[in-house]
Every structure is written in C-alpha cells, then in structure tokens.
C-alpha cells in the first residue's frame, strides 16, 4: 500500500535546491511515474553515501511532494535522513548538492559520505 504524506517531508530543501531539482526534472524528459529518490546506501569513505536521483516508486517507499514532483524515500532509511537539510551550491569552490545531516556522527571531506 502506498503511503502518501502531504506537507510533512522529513527533509528540508533550500530554495536553490528546489529550483535545481525542478530544472533537472524538467530537462530530464522523465515519464510521469518518475520522482526524486533520496536515500542512503552502504559505501563511501565514511560508511554511507547519499542517494539523490530520479527513479520510480518502489515497494517500501513513502511518497512526499516537492511541488508537483514526487519524492521517494525508502521508509527503512528515514532514520538516517530525518531533519536533513539539502542545499544546492553554485560557487566557484563548491558546486552541487550539499547535505547538512544532524544524524551524521562523522562526515568525510567529499561531503557525500557519512557515518551514523
């Protein structure tokens, strides 16, 4: 059974991150069953790596919305992402999505890997 949770996204996004997500979705020619997947996977130099990609809904996903774009988060991974803030930087020294995750015990220098 699909869980759709309106306006209670456990992750926050800055305005620049939302704009970049919308641009990527709009320019990616994704079909209507695609949404943004946010999650974690084992690996990286600190133990976990972030997942941020467009994907189809899977069995364990909770569904949220960023405007019209579905946001898929595997319900077994929420604990690693709860209250995480995602920003998008465009400066010369840093370009891309940046995670401010209060659940991360340590992070590595690359900014895409953490330990819980």
PDB file of N, CA and C in Angstrom:
ATOM      1  N   UNK A   1       0.833  -1.177   0.000  1.00  0.00           N
ATOM      2  CA  UNK A   1       0.000   0.000   0.000  1.00  0.00           C
ATOM      3  C   UNK A   1       0.879   1.242   0.000  1.00  0.00           C
ATOM      4  N   UNK A   2       0.557   2.185  -0.855  1.00  0.00           N
ATOM      5  CA  UNK A   2       1.323   3.410  -0.969  1.00  0.00           C
ATOM      6  C   UNK A   2       1.025   4.350   0.190  1.00  0.00           C
ATOM      7  N   UNK A   3       2.077   4.882   0.769  1.00  0.00           N
ATOM      8  CA  UNK A   3       1.920   5.882   1.814  1.00  0.00           C
ATOM      9  C   UNK A   3       2.218   7.237   1.208  1.00  0.00           C
ATOM     10  N   UNK A   4       1.231   8.122   1.191  1.00  0.00           N
ATOM     11  CA  UNK A   4       1.432   9.474   0.697  1.00  0.00           C
ATOM     12  C   UNK A   4       1.273  10.414   1.871  1.00  0.00           C
ATOM     13  N   UNK A   5       2.306  11.190   2.132  1.00  0.00           N
ATOM     14  CA  UNK A   5       2.307  12.076   3.275  1.00  0.00           C
ATOM     15  C   UNK A   5       2.413  13.508   2.760  1.00  0.00           C
ATOM     16  N   UNK A   6       1.378  14.280   2.941  1.00  0.00           N
ATOM     17  CA  UNK A   6       1.349  15.650   2.443  1.00  0.00           C
ATOM     18  C   UNK A   6       2.007  16.598   3.442  1.00  0.00           C
ATOM     19  N   UNK A   7       2.891  17.461   2.967  1.00  0.00           N
ATOM     20  CA  UNK A   7       3.456  18.566   3.736  1.00  0.00           C
ATOM     21  C   UNK A   7       4.164  18.142   5.019  1.00  0.00           C
ATOM     22  N   UNK A   8       4.629  16.936   5.129  1.00  0.00           N
ATOM     23  CA  UNK A   8       5.359  16.502   6.314  1.00  0.00           C
ATOM     24  C   UNK A   8       6.667  15.846   5.894  1.00  0.00           C
ATOM     25  N   UNK A   9       7.324  16.452   4.949  1.00  0.00           N
ATOM     26  CA  UNK A   9       8.580  15.905   4.453  1.00  0.00           C
ATOM     27  C   UNK A   9       9.602  15.926   5.589  1.00  0.00           C
ATOM     28  N   UNK A  10      10.245  14.788   5.873  1.00  0.00           N
ATOM     29  CA  UNK A  10      11.210  14.738   6.975  1.00  0.00           C
ATOM     30  C   UNK A  10      12.552  15.382   6.642  1.00  0.00           C
ATOM     31  N   UNK A  11      12.664  15.898   5.423  1.00  0.00           N
ATOM     32  CA  UNK A  11      13.880  16.536   4.937  1.00  0.00           C
ATOM     33  C   UNK A  11      13.510  17.942   4.497  1.00  0.00           C
ATOM     34  N   UNK A  12      14.411  18.902   4.691  1.00  0.00           N
ATOM     35  CA  UNK A  12      14.148  20.247   4.191  1.00  0.00           C
ATOM     36  C   UNK A  12      15.080  20.544   3.023  1.00  0.00           C
ATOM     37  N   UNK A  13      14.621  21.419   2.162  1.00  0.00           N
ATOM     38  CA  UNK A  13      15.372  21.825   0.982  1.00  0.00           C
ATOM     39  C   UNK A  13      15.450  23.343   0.951  1.00  0.00           C
ATOM     40  N   UNK A  14      16.606  23.871   0.588  1.00  0.00           N
ATOM     41  CA  UNK A  14      16.705  25.306   0.383  1.00  0.00           C
ATOM     42  C   UNK A  14      16.028  25.644  -0.940  1.00  0.00           C
ATOM     43  N   UNK A  15      15.746  26.913  -1.140  1.00  0.00           N
ATOM     44  CA  UNK A  15      15.116  27.358  -2.382  1.00  0.00           C
ATOM     45  C   UNK A  15      15.992  27.010  -3.590  1.00  0.00           C
ATOM     46  N   UNK A  16      17.317  27.139  -3.452  1.00  0.00           N
ATOM     47  CA  UNK A  16      18.199  26.818  -4.577  1.00  0.00           C
ATOM     48  C   UNK A  16      18.182  25.325  -4.886  1.00  0.00           C
ATOM     49  N   UNK A  17      18.049  24.472  -3.873  1.00  0.00           N
ATOM     50  CA  UNK A  17      17.966  23.029  -4.108  1.00  0.00           C
ATOM     51  C   UNK A  17      16.661  22.681  -4.823  1.00  0.00           C
ATOM     52  N   UNK A  18      15.565  23.272  -4.393  1.00  0.00           N
ATOM     53  CA  UNK A  18      14.265  23.017  -5.035  1.00  0.00           C
ATOM     54  C   UNK A  18      14.309  23.459  -6.492  1.00  0.00           C
ATOM     55  N   UNK A  19      14.875  24.613  -6.749  1.00  0.00           N
ATOM     56  CA  UNK A  19      14.960  25.112  -8.121  1.00  0.00           C
ATOM     57  C   UNK A  19      15.801  24.183  -8.994  1.00  0.00           C
ATOM     58  N   UNK A  20      16.920  23.711  -8.466  1.00  0.00           N
ATOM     59  CA  UNK A  20      17.774  22.798  -9.237  1.00  0.00           C
ATOM     60  C   UNK A  20      17.077  21.461  -9.481  1.00  0.00           C
ATOM     61  N   UNK A  21      16.378  20.940  -8.492  1.00  0.00           N
ATOM     62  CA  UNK A  21      15.630  19.689  -8.659  1.00  0.00           C
ATOM     63  C   UNK A  21      14.578  19.849  -9.754  1.00  0.00           C
ATOM     64  N   UNK A  22      13.846  20.953  -9.729  1.00  0.00           N
ATOM     65  CA  UNK A  22      12.826  21.208 -10.758  1.00  0.00           C
ATOM     66  C   UNK A  22      13.456  21.333 -12.134  1.00  0.00           C
ATOM     67  N   UNK A  23      14.601  22.019 -12.229  1.00  0.00           N
ATOM     68  CA  UNK A  23      15.294  22.146 -13.511  1.00  0.00           C
ATOM     69  C   UNK A  23      15.753  20.790 -14.039  1.00  0.00           C
ATOM     70  N   UNK A  24      16.349  19.991 -13.169  1.00  0.00           N
ATOM     71  CA  UNK A  24      16.822  18.666 -13.584  1.00  0.00           C
ATOM     72  C   UNK A  24      15.663  17.787 -14.037  1.00  0.00           C
ATOM     73  N   UNK A  25      14.560  17.838 -13.314  1.00  0.00           N
ATOM     74  CA  UNK A  25      13.395  17.022 -13.658  1.00  0.00           C
ATOM     75  C   UNK A  25      12.815  17.470 -14.994  1.00  0.00           C
ATOM     76  N   UNK A  26      12.669  18.773 -15.145  1.00  0.00           N
ATOM     77  CA  UNK A  26      12.094  19.346 -16.369  1.00  0.00           C
ATOM     78  C   UNK A  26      12.957  19.028 -17.589  1.00  0.00           C
ATOM     79  N   UNK A  27      14.271  19.080 -17.425  1.00  0.00           N
ATOM     80  CA  UNK A  27      15.185  18.867 -18.550  1.00  0.00           C
ATOM     81  C   UNK A  27      15.556  17.404 -18.761  1.00  0.00           C
ATOM     82  N   UNK A  28      15.113  16.516 -17.877  1.00  0.00           N
ATOM     83  CA  UNK A  28      15.495  15.115 -17.966  1.00  0.00           C
ATOM     84  C   UNK A  28      14.549  14.249 -18.771  1.00  0.00           C
ATOM     85  N   UNK A  29      13.437  14.803 -19.239  1.00  0.00           N
ATOM     86  CA  UNK A  29      12.459  14.041 -20.024  1.00  0.00           C
ATOM     87  C   UNK A  29      12.031  12.752 -19.328  1.00  0.00           C
ATOM     88  N   UNK A  30      11.745  12.841 -18.033  1.00  0.00           N
ATOM     89  CA  UNK A  30      11.306  11.678 -17.274  1.00  0.00           C
ATOM     90  C   UNK A  30       9.819  11.449 -17.491  1.00  0.00           C
ATOM     91  N   UNK A  31       9.404  10.184 -17.472  1.00  0.00           N
ATOM     92  CA  UNK A  31       7.987   9.873 -17.595  1.00  0.00           C
ATOM     93  C   UNK A  31       7.274  10.239 -16.293  1.00  0.00           C
ATOM     94  N   UNK A  32       5.972  10.239 -16.323  1.00  0.00           N
ATOM     95  CA  UNK A  32       5.179  10.689 -15.178  1.00  0.00           C
ATOM     96  C   UNK A  32       5.308   9.785 -13.964  1.00  0.00           C
ATOM     97  N   UNK A  33       5.810   8.560 -14.118  1.00  0.00           N
ATOM     98  CA  UNK A  33       5.954   7.691 -12.943  1.00  0.00           C
ATOM     99  C   UNK A  33       7.306   7.863 -12.250  1.00  0.00           C
ATOM    100  N   UNK A  34       8.116   8.812 -12.697  1.00  0.00           N
ATOM    101  CA  UNK A  34       9.399   9.083 -12.063  1.00  0.00           C
ATOM    102  C   UNK A  34       9.251  10.179 -11.021  1.00  0.00           C
ATOM    103  N   UNK A  35      10.086  10.081  -9.993  1.00  0.00           N
ATOM    104  CA  UNK A  35      10.176  11.104  -8.972  1.00  0.00           C
ATOM    105  C   UNK A  35      11.600  11.159  -8.466  1.00  0.00           C
ATOM    106  N   UNK A  36      11.824  12.013  -7.499  1.00  0.00           N
ATOM    107  CA  UNK A  36      13.154  12.159  -6.918  1.00  0.00           C
ATOM    108  C   UNK A  36      13.334  11.164  -5.784  1.00  0.00           C
ATOM    109  N   UNK A  37      14.370  10.362  -5.871  1.00  0.00           N
ATOM    110  CA  UNK A  37      14.692   9.417  -4.806  1.00  0.00           C
ATOM    111  C   UNK A  37      15.808  10.004  -3.957  1.00  0.00           C
ATOM    112  N   UNK A  38      15.563  10.028  -2.648  1.00  0.00           N
ATOM    113  CA  UNK A  38      16.580  10.426  -1.696  1.00  0.00           C
ATOM    114  C   UNK A  38      16.749   9.268  -0.734  1.00  0.00           C
ATOM    115  N   UNK A  39      17.986   8.902  -0.500  1.00  0.00           N
ATOM    116  CA  UNK A  39      18.236   7.786   0.397  1.00  0.00           C
ATOM    117  C   UNK A  39      19.704   7.677   0.737  1.00  0.00           C
ATOM    118  N   UNK A  40      20.054   6.542   1.295  1.00  0.00           N
ATOM    119  CA  UNK A  40      21.437   6.238   1.635  1.00  0.00           C
ATOM    120  C   UNK A  40      21.736   4.821   1.177  1.00  0.00           C
ATOM    121  N   UNK A  41      23.016   4.559   0.982  1.00  0.00           N
ATOM    122  CA  UNK A  41      23.469   3.208   0.670  1.00  0.00           C
ATOM    123  C   UNK A  41      24.805   3.008   1.349  1.00  0.00           C
ATOM    124  N   UNK A  42      25.120   1.769   1.626  1.00  0.00           N
ATOM    125  CA  UNK A  42      26.407   1.461   2.225  1.00  0.00           C
ATOM    126  C   UNK A  42      27.518   1.775   1.251  1.00  0.00           C
ATOM    127  N   UNK A  43      28.599   2.319   1.765  1.00  0.00           N
ATOM    128  CA  UNK A  43      29.740   2.633   0.915  1.00  0.00           C
ATOM    129  C   UNK A  43      30.279   4.007   1.204  1.00  0.00           C
ATOM    130  N   UNK A  44      31.135   4.462   0.362  1.00  0.00           N
ATOM    131  CA  UNK A  44      31.775   5.751   0.574  1.00  0.00           C
ATOM    132  C   UNK A  44      32.886   5.620   1.590  1.00  0.00           C
ATOM    133  N   UNK A  45      33.605   6.672   1.797  1.00  0.00           N
ATOM    134  CA  UNK A  45      34.761   6.601   2.690  1.00  0.00           C
ATOM    135  C   UNK A  45      34.388   6.655   4.163  1.00  0.00           C
ATOM    136  N   UNK A  46      33.113   6.989   4.501  1.00  0.00           N
ATOM    137  CA  UNK A  46      32.725   7.067   5.909  1.00  0.00           C
ATOM    138  C   UNK A  46      31.674   6.020   6.298  1.00  0.00           C
ATOM    139  N   UNK A  47      31.219   5.213   5.363  1.00  0.00           N
ATOM    140  CA  UNK A  47      30.278   4.141   5.697  1.00  0.00           C
ATOM    141  C   UNK A  47      28.973   4.187   4.938  1.00  0.00           C
ATOM    142  N   UNK A  48      28.403   5.388   4.758  1.00  0.00           N
ATOM    143  CA  UNK A  48      27.172   5.556   3.992  1.00  0.00           C
ATOM    144  C   UNK A  48      27.379   6.649   2.950  1.00  0.00           C
ATOM    145  N   UNK A  49      26.739   6.481   1.804  1.00  0.00           N
ATOM    146  CA  UNK A  49      26.718   7.509   0.771  1.00  0.00           C
ATOM    147  C   UNK A  49      25.276   7.915   0.528  1.00  0.00           C
ATOM    148  N   UNK A  50      25.079   9.167   0.167  1.00  0.00           N
ATOM    149  CA  UNK A  50      23.739   9.667  -0.136  1.00  0.00           C
ATOM    150  C   UNK A  50      23.316   9.256  -1.539  1.00  0.00           C
ATOM    151  N   UNK A  51      22.031   9.021  -1.690  1.00  0.00           N
ATOM    152  CA  UNK A  51      21.429   8.761  -2.992  1.00  0.00           C
ATOM    153  C   UNK A  51      20.545   9.959  -3.308  1.00  0.00           C
ATOM    154  N   UNK A  52      20.716  10.537  -4.469  1.00  0.00           N
ATOM    155  CA  UNK A  52      19.863  11.618  -4.953  1.00  0.00           C
ATOM    156  C   UNK A  52      19.772  11.429  -6.450  1.00  0.00           C
ATOM    157  N   UNK A  53      18.637  10.879  -6.910  1.00  0.00           N
ATOM    158  CA  UNK A  53      18.498  10.525  -8.316  1.00  0.00           C
ATOM    159  C   UNK A  53      17.021  10.433  -8.653  1.00  0.00           C
ATOM    160  N   UNK A  54      16.706  10.455  -9.908  1.00  0.00           N
ATOM    161  CA  UNK A  54      15.328  10.257 -10.338  1.00  0.00           C
ATOM    162  C   UNK A  54      15.097   8.771 -10.557  1.00  0.00           C
ATOM    163  N   UNK A  55      13.958   8.286 -10.078  1.00  0.00           N
ATOM    164  CA  UNK A  55      13.692   6.858 -10.050  1.00  0.00           C
ATOM    165  C   UNK A  55      12.180   6.647 -10.008  1.00  0.00           C
ATOM    166  N   UNK A  56      11.764   5.392 -10.140  1.00  0.00           N
ATOM    167  CA  UNK A  56      10.354   5.038  -9.986  1.00  0.00           C
ATOM    168  C   UNK A  56      10.113   4.601  -8.543  1.00  0.00           C
ATOM    169  N   UNK A  57       8.872   4.650  -8.124  1.00  0.00           N
ATOM    170  CA  UNK A  57       8.498   4.259  -6.775  1.00  0.00           C
ATOM    171  C   UNK A  57       8.750   2.767  -6.575  1.00  0.00           C
ATOM    172  N   UNK A  58       9.244   2.438  -5.380  1.00  0.00           N
ATOM    173  CA  UNK A  58       9.481   1.042  -5.013  1.00  0.00           C
ATOM    174  C   UNK A  58       8.613   0.679  -3.818  1.00  0.00           C
ATOM    175  N   UNK A  59       8.568  -0.594  -3.497  1.00  0.00           N
ATOM    176  CA  UNK A  59       7.640  -1.136  -2.506  1.00  0.00           C
ATOM    177  C   UNK A  59       7.695  -0.461  -1.140  1.00  0.00           C
ATOM    178  N   UNK A  60       8.865  -0.192  -0.597  1.00  0.00           N
ATOM    179  CA  UNK A  60       8.990   0.363   0.758  1.00  0.00           C
ATOM    180  C   UNK A  60       9.021   1.883   0.813  1.00  0.00           C
ATOM    181  N   UNK A  61       8.714   2.543  -0.294  1.00  0.00           N
ATOM    182  CA  UNK A  61       8.826   3.992  -0.346  1.00  0.00           C
ATOM    183  C   UNK A  61       7.652   4.703   0.304  1.00  0.00           C
ATOM    184  N   UNK A  62       7.979   5.745   1.075  1.00  0.00           N
ATOM    185  CA  UNK A  62       6.991   6.737   1.463  1.00  0.00           C
ATOM    186  C   UNK A  62       7.056   7.804   0.379  1.00  0.00           C
ATOM    187  N   UNK A  63       5.922   8.414   0.071  1.00  0.00           N
ATOM    188  CA  UNK A  63       5.850   9.391  -1.012  1.00  0.00           C
ATOM    189  C   UNK A  63       5.500  10.759  -0.435  1.00  0.00           C
ATOM    190  N   UNK A  64       6.322  11.743  -0.790  1.00  0.00           N
ATOM    191  CA  UNK A  64       6.107  13.133  -0.414  1.00  0.00           C
ATOM    192  C   UNK A  64       6.090  13.925  -1.718  1.00  0.00           C
ATOM    193  N   UNK A  65       5.929  15.220  -1.649  1.00  0.00           N
ATOM    194  CA  UNK A  65       5.936  16.028  -2.863  1.00  0.00           C
ATOM    195  C   UNK A  65       6.728  17.307  -2.674  1.00  0.00           C
ATOM    196  N   UNK A  66       7.495  17.633  -3.707  1.00  0.00           N
ATOM    197  CA  UNK A  66       8.144  18.929  -3.835  1.00  0.00           C
ATOM    198  C   UNK A  66       7.424  19.586  -5.004  1.00  0.00           C
ATOM    199  N   UNK A  67       6.428  20.390  -4.704  1.00  0.00           N
ATOM    200  CA  UNK A  67       5.581  20.922  -5.771  1.00  0.00           C
ATOM    201  C   UNK A  67       4.868  19.761  -6.427  1.00  0.00           C
ATOM    202  N   UNK A  68       5.074  19.601  -7.722  1.00  0.00           N
ATOM    203  CA  UNK A  68       4.449  18.507  -8.485  1.00  0.00           C
ATOM    204  C   UNK A  68       5.331  17.262  -8.577  1.00  0.00           C
ATOM    205  N   UNK A  69       6.542  17.339  -8.080  1.00  0.00           N
ATOM    206  CA  UNK A  69       7.495  16.233  -8.222  1.00  0.00           C
ATOM    207  C   UNK A  69       7.383  15.294  -7.025  1.00  0.00           C
ATOM    208  N   UNK A  70       7.090  14.015  -7.270  1.00  0.00           N
ATOM    209  CA  UNK A  70       7.081  13.054  -6.155  1.00  0.00           C
ATOM    210  C   UNK A  70       8.479  12.883  -5.585  1.00  0.00           C
ATOM    211  N   UNK A  71       8.547  12.725  -4.282  1.00  0.00           N
ATOM    212  CA  UNK A  71       9.793  12.468  -3.576  1.00  0.00           C
ATOM    213  C   UNK A  71       9.668  11.098  -2.935  1.00  0.00           C
ATOM    214  N   UNK A  72      10.549  10.171  -3.288  1.00  0.00           N
ATOM    215  CA  UNK A  72      10.512   8.810  -2.778  1.00  0.00           C
ATOM    216  C   UNK A  72      11.624   8.610  -1.757  1.00  0.00           C
ATOM    217  N   UNK A  73      11.236   8.147  -0.566  1.00  0.00           N
ATOM    218  CA  UNK A  73      12.214   7.807   0.468  1.00  0.00           C
ATOM    219  C   UNK A  73      11.845   6.430   1.013  1.00  0.00           C
ATOM    220  N   UNK A  74      12.774   5.495   0.922  1.00  0.00           N
ATOM    221  CA  UNK A  74      12.562   4.168   1.488  1.00  0.00           C
ATOM    222  C   UNK A  74      12.328   4.336   2.989  1.00  0.00           C
ATOM    223  N   UNK A  75      11.223   3.796   3.488  1.00  0.00           N
ATOM    224  CA  UNK A  75      10.867   4.028   4.890  1.00  0.00           C
ATOM    225  C   UNK A  75      11.855   3.404   5.872  1.00  0.00           C
ATOM    226  N   UNK A  76      12.738   2.530   5.424  1.00  0.00           N
ATOM    227  CA  UNK A  76      13.771   1.985   6.309  1.00  0.00           C
ATOM    228  C   UNK A  76      14.980   2.916   6.405  1.00  0.00           C
ATOM    229  N   UNK A  77      15.007   3.971   5.575  1.00  0.00           N
ATOM    230  CA  UNK A  77      16.152   4.887   5.559  1.00  0.00           C
ATOM    231  C   UNK A  77      15.848   6.248   6.180  1.00  0.00           C
ATOM    232  N   UNK A  78      14.604   6.492   6.539  1.00  0.00           N
ATOM    233  CA  UNK A  78      14.206   7.791   7.107  1.00  0.00           C
ATOM    234  C   UNK A  78      15.083   8.148   8.310  1.00  0.00           C
ATOM    235  N   UNK A  79      15.412   7.179   9.155  1.00  0.00           N
ATOM    236  CA  UNK A  79      16.179   7.469  10.372  1.00  0.00           C
ATOM    237  C   UNK A  79      17.535   8.079  10.066  1.00  0.00           C
ATOM    238  N   UNK A  80      18.100   7.801   8.899  1.00  0.00           N
ATOM    239  CA  UNK A  80      19.394   8.359   8.530  1.00  0.00           C
ATOM    240  C   UNK A  80      19.264   9.761   7.932  1.00  0.00           C
ATOM    241  N   UNK A  81      18.047  10.134   7.536  1.00  0.00           N
ATOM    242  CA  UNK A  81      17.840  11.388   6.820  1.00  0.00           C
ATOM    243  C   UNK A  81      16.952  12.388   7.554  1.00  0.00           C
ATOM    244  N   UNK A  82      16.349  11.980   8.660  1.00  0.00           N
ATOM    245  CA  UNK A  82      15.377  12.828   9.361  1.00  0.00           C
ATOM    246  C   UNK A  82      16.012  14.172   9.738  1.00  0.00           C
ATOM    247  N   UNK A  83      15.349  15.245   9.382  1.00  0.00           N
ATOM    248  CA  UNK A  83      15.787  16.631   9.620  1.00  0.00           C
ATOM    249  C   UNK A  83      17.027  17.033   8.830  1.00  0.00           C
ATOM    250  N   UNK A  84      17.390  16.259   7.828  1.00  0.00           N
ATOM    251  CA  UNK A  84      18.497  16.622   6.952  1.00  0.00           C
ATOM    252  C   UNK A  84      18.070  17.822   6.104  1.00  0.00           C
ATOM    253  N   UNK A  85      18.986  18.739   5.883  1.00  0.00           N
ATOM    254  CA  UNK A  85      18.737  19.884   5.013  1.00  0.00           C
ATOM    255  C   UNK A  85      19.610  19.730   3.784  1.00  0.00           C
ATOM    256  N   UNK A  86      18.994  19.875   2.614  1.00  0.00           N
ATOM    257  CA  UNK A  86      19.726  19.743   1.358  1.00  0.00           C
ATOM    258  C   UNK A  86      19.746  21.102   0.672  1.00  0.00           C
ATOM    259  N   UNK A  87      20.940  21.529   0.318  1.00  0.00           N
ATOM    260  CA  UNK A  87      21.148  22.808  -0.348  1.00  0.00           C
ATOM    261  C   UNK A  87      21.781  22.530  -1.704  1.00  0.00           C
ATOM    262  N   UNK A  88      21.741  23.521  -2.580  1.00  0.00           N
ATOM    263  CA  UNK A  88      22.456  23.429  -3.847  1.00  0.00           C
ATOM    264  C   UNK A  88      23.349  24.649  -3.959  1.00  0.00           C
ATOM    265  N   UNK A  89      24.643  24.406  -4.070  1.00  0.00           N
ATOM    266  CA  UNK A  89      25.639  25.479  -4.139  1.00  0.00           C
ATOM    267  C   UNK A  89      26.080  25.688  -5.580  1.00  0.00           C
ATOM    268  N   UNK A  90      26.345  26.922  -5.924  1.00  0.00           N
ATOM    269  CA  UNK A  90      26.781  27.240  -7.280  1.00  0.00           C
ATOM    270  C   UNK A  90      28.072  28.045  -7.300  1.00  0.00           C
ATOM    271  N   UNK A  91      28.776  28.110  -6.187  1.00  0.00           N
ATOM    272  CA  UNK A  91      30.002  28.896  -6.103  1.00  0.00           C
ATOM    273  C   UNK A  91      31.177  28.239  -6.798  1.00  0.00           C
ATOM    274  N   UNK A  92      32.249  29.004  -6.905  1.00  0.00           N
ATOM    275  CA  UNK A  92      33.463  28.501  -7.553  1.00  0.00           C
ATOM    276  C   UNK A  92      34.132  27.401  -6.750  1.00  0.00           C
ATOM    277  N   UNK A  93      34.015  27.463  -5.426  1.00  0.00           N
ATOM    278  CA  UNK A  93      34.678  26.485  -4.574  1.00  0.00           C
ATOM    279  C   UNK A  93      33.824  25.251  -4.297  1.00  0.00           C
ATOM    280  N   UNK A  94      32.540  25.330  -4.611  1.00  0.00           N
ATOM    281  CA  UNK A  94      31.653  24.196  -4.325  1.00  0.00           C
ATOM    282  C   UNK A  94      30.429  24.284  -5.223  1.00  0.00           C
ATOM    283  N   UNK A  95      30.201  23.260  -6.035  1.00  0.00           N
ATOM    284  CA  UNK A  95      29.024  23.231  -6.888  1.00  0.00           C
ATOM    285  C   UNK A  95      28.377  21.872  -6.741  1.00  0.00           C
ATOM    286  N   UNK A  96      27.084  21.880  -6.442  1.00  0.00           N
ATOM    287  CA  UNK A  96      26.342  20.640  -6.321  1.00  0.00           C
ATOM    288  C   UNK A  96      25.494  20.639  -5.066  1.00  0.00           C
ATOM    289  N   UNK A  97      24.880  19.504  -4.813  1.00  0.00           N
ATOM    290  CA  UNK A  97      24.027  19.356  -3.645  1.00  0.00           C
ATOM    291  C   UNK A  97      24.886  19.144  -2.401  1.00  0.00           C
ATOM    292  N   UNK A  98      24.498  19.823  -1.334  1.00  0.00           N
ATOM    293  CA  UNK A  98      25.231  19.768  -0.067  1.00  0.00           C
ATOM    294  C   UNK A  98      24.249  19.316   1.006  1.00  0.00           C
ATOM    295  N   UNK A  99      24.672  18.352   1.806  1.00  0.00           N
ATOM    296  CA  UNK A  99      23.822  17.770   2.843  1.00  0.00           C
ATOM    297  C   UNK A  99      24.256  18.271   4.215  1.00  0.00           C
ATOM    298  N   UNK A 100      23.319  18.801   4.970  1.00  0.00           N
ATOM    299  CA  UNK A 100      23.555  19.143   6.373  1.00  0.00           C
ATOM    300  C   UNK A 100      22.708  18.162   7.174  1.00  0.00           C
ATOM    301  N   UNK A 101      23.334  17.087   7.614  1.00  0.00           N
ATOM    302  CA  UNK A 101      22.616  15.979   8.225  1.00  0.00           C
ATOM    303  C   UNK A 101      22.923  15.889   9.723  1.00  0.00           C
ATOM    304  N   UNK A 102      21.953  16.218  10.576  1.00  0.00           N
ATOM    305  CA  UNK A 102      22.202  16.148  12.020  1.00  0.00           C
ATOM    306  C   UNK A 102      22.361  14.723  12.543  1.00  0.00           C
ATOM    307  N   UNK A 103      22.041  13.725  11.721  1.00  0.00           N
ATOM    308  CA  UNK A 103      22.172  12.322  12.126  1.00  0.00           C
ATOM    309  C   UNK A 103      23.555  11.757  11.836  1.00  0.00           C
ATOM    310  N   UNK A 104      24.380  12.513  11.148  1.00  0.00           N
ATOM    311  CA  UNK A 104      25.715  12.046  10.793  1.00  0.00           C
ATOM    312  C   UNK A 104      26.659  12.242  11.973  1.00  0.00           C
ATOM    313  N   UNK A 105      27.259  11.153  12.435  1.00  0.00           N
ATOM    314  CA  UNK A 105      28.245  11.235  13.518  1.00  0.00           C
ATOM    315  C   UNK A 105      29.535  11.840  12.998  1.00  0.00           C
ATOM    316  N   UNK A 106      29.934  11.422  11.786  1.00  0.00           N
ATOM    317  CA  UNK A 106      31.109  11.984  11.116  1.00  0.00           C
ATOM    318  C   UNK A 106      30.807  12.079   9.635  1.00  0.00           C
ATOM    319  N   UNK A 107      31.499  12.978   8.971  1.00  0.00           N
ATOM    320  CA  UNK A 107      31.404  13.091   7.522  1.00  0.00           C
ATOM    321  C   UNK A 107      32.813  13.096   6.969  1.00  0.00           C
ATOM    322  N   UNK A 108      32.920  12.827   5.691  1.00  0.00           N
ATOM    323  CA  UNK A 108      34.244  12.841   5.077  1.00  0.00           C
ATOM    324  C   UNK A 108      34.427  14.145   4.312  1.00  0.00           C
ATOM    325  N   UNK A 109      35.590  14.339   3.803  1.00  0.00           N
ATOM    326  CA  UNK A 109      35.917  15.565   3.085  1.00  0.00           C
ATOM    327  C   UNK A 109      35.137  15.765   1.805  1.00  0.00           C
ATOM    328  N   UNK A 110      34.670  14.686   1.184  1.00  0.00           N
ATOM    329  CA  UNK A 110      33.965  14.820  -0.087  1.00  0.00           C
ATOM    330  C   UNK A 110      32.535  15.354   0.115  1.00  0.00           C
ATOM    331  N   UNK A 111      31.995  15.235   1.320  1.00  0.00           N
ATOM    332  CA  UNK A 111      30.668  15.757   1.597  1.00  0.00           C
ATOM    333  C   UNK A 111      29.512  14.870   1.179  1.00  0.00           C
ATOM    334  N   UNK A 112      29.805  13.717   0.591  1.00  0.00           N
ATOM    335  CA  UNK A 112      28.742  12.823   0.158  1.00  0.00           C
ATOM    336  C   UNK A 112      28.750  11.505   0.915  1.00  0.00           C
ATOM    337  N   UNK A 113      29.566  11.412   1.937  1.00  0.00           N
ATOM    338  CA  UNK A 113      29.675  10.191   2.720  1.00  0.00           C
ATOM    339  C   UNK A 113      29.640  10.532   4.203  1.00  0.00           C
ATOM    340  N   UNK A 114      29.028   9.664   4.997  1.00  0.00           N
ATOM    341  CA  UNK A 114      28.909   9.915   6.427  1.00  0.00           C
ATOM    342  C   UNK A 114      28.804   8.612   7.193  1.00  0.00           C
ATOM    343  N   UNK A 115      28.978   8.699   8.497  1.00  0.00           N
ATOM    344  CA  UNK A 115      28.715   7.548   9.365  1.00  0.00           C
ATOM    345  C   UNK A 115      27.635   7.954  10.345  1.00  0.00           C
ATOM    346  N   UNK A 116      26.852   6.969  10.768  1.00  0.00           N
ATOM    347  CA  UNK A 116      25.727   7.260  11.675  1.00  0.00           C
ATOM    348  C   UNK A 116      26.100   6.906  13.096  1.00  0.00           C
TER     349      UNK A 116
END
